[in-house]
Amino acid sequence: MILNDYIKREGISVSKFADKCNIPLPTMSKYYYGEKIPRQENMMKIYKHTEKEVTANDFYGITSCEKETTIFHEKEDKSTIGF
């Protein structure tokens, strides 16, 4: 889940989330708008305070291997039906 979606879903402000993570608001705003990718220290704070819902992969647009594996196996199962 991207940070923007998480903050909207939770109904909190970027400012409140920045305070919760102890990250300066200008920096958090850049993460929120996709203008900057967090360094490891701030990424760990975001990961922790989103209860592991926002990961480093989300900032790079990488889907989880688990999701890709599930999709692959679903396609594989459909293609072997009737054999």
Protein backbone atom coordinates (compact mmCIF):
# COMPACT_ATOMS: atom_id res chain seq x y z
CA MET A 1 0.00 0.00 0.00
CA ILE A 2 1.37 3.40 -0.85
CA LEU A 3 1.78 5.98 1.91
CA ASN A 4 -0.70 8.36 0.30
CA ASP A 5 -3.44 5.69 0.34
CA TYR A 6 -2.65 4.68 3.90
CA ILE A 7 -2.91 8.23 5.25
CA LYS A 8 -6.16 8.86 3.37
CA ARG A 9 -7.67 5.57 4.56
CA GLU A 10 -6.77 6.31 8.16
CA GLY A 11 -8.32 9.78 7.89
CA ILE A 12 -5.31 11.53 9.39
CA SER A 13 -3.33 14.49 8.17
CA VAL A 14 0.16 14.26 6.77
CA SER A 15 1.22 16.53 9.63
CA LYS A 16 -0.21 14.19 12.27
CA PHE A 17 1.43 11.16 10.68
CA ALA A 18 4.76 13.02 10.43
CA ASP A 19 4.55 13.82 14.15
CA LYS A 20 3.70 10.21 14.96
CA CYS A 21 6.79 9.03 13.03
CA ASN A 22 9.00 11.85 14.31
CA ILE A 23 9.80 12.88 10.73
CA PRO A 24 9.81 16.57 9.75
CA LEU A 25 6.63 17.61 7.90
CA PRO A 26 8.46 18.88 4.76
CA THR A 27 10.18 15.51 4.44
CA MET A 28 6.99 13.51 5.06
CA SER A 29 5.15 15.66 2.50
CA LYS A 30 7.75 14.71 -0.11
CA TYR A 31 7.20 11.03 0.69
CA TYR A 32 3.42 11.53 0.54
CA TYR A 33 3.54 13.15 -2.89
CA GLY A 34 6.11 10.66 -4.24
CA GLU A 35 8.82 13.30 -4.63
CA LYS A 36 11.30 11.50 -2.42
CA ILE A 37 11.98 7.95 -1.23
CA PRO A 38 12.73 7.50 2.49
CA ARG A 39 16.14 6.43 3.65
CA GLN A 40 16.34 3.33 5.81
CA GLU A 41 15.85 5.06 9.18
CA ASN A 42 12.68 6.88 8.10
CA MET A 43 11.42 3.88 6.17
CA MET A 44 11.58 1.80 9.33
CA LYS A 45 9.53 4.46 11.17
CA ILE A 46 6.91 4.50 8.42
CA TYR A 47 6.82 0.70 8.30
CA LYS A 48 6.36 0.51 12.06
CA HIS A 49 3.70 3.23 12.32
CA THR A 50 1.66 1.83 9.43
CA GLU A 51 1.69 -1.56 11.15
CA LYS A 52 3.77 -2.99 8.28
CA GLU A 53 1.25 -1.94 5.62
CA VAL A 54 3.59 0.49 3.83
CA THR A 55 6.89 -1.09 2.83
CA ALA A 56 10.00 0.06 1.01
CA ASN A 57 8.79 -1.84 -2.06
CA ASP A 58 5.71 0.39 -2.17
CA PHE A 59 7.89 3.44 -2.77
CA TYR A 60 9.48 1.68 -5.75
CA GLY A 61 6.24 0.27 -7.12
CA ILE A 62 7.36 -3.31 -6.56
CA THR A 63 4.64 -5.83 -5.87
CA SER A 64 5.27 -8.57 -3.37
CA CYS A 65 6.62 -11.88 -4.63
CA GLU A 66 3.79 -13.60 -2.79
CA LYS A 67 1.16 -11.81 -4.91
CA GLU A 68 3.05 -12.57 -8.12
CA THR A 69 3.44 -16.22 -7.16
CA THR A 70 -0.29 -16.52 -6.45
CA ILE A 71 -1.19 -14.99 -9.80
CA PHE A 72 1.29 -17.29 -11.59
CA HIS A 73 -0.16 -20.39 -9.94
CA GLU A 74 -3.72 -19.34 -10.75
CA LYS A 75 -2.76 -18.99 -14.42
CA GLU A 76 -0.91 -22.30 -14.30
CA ASP A 77 -3.94 -24.08 -12.77
CA LYS A 78 -6.28 -22.73 -15.46
CA SER A 79 -3.98 -23.75 -18.28
CA THR A 80 -3.73 -27.37 -17.07
CA ILE A 81 -7.48 -27.95 -16.65
CA GLY A 82 -8.62 -30.87 -18.78
CA PHE A 83 -5.18 -32.43 -19.27
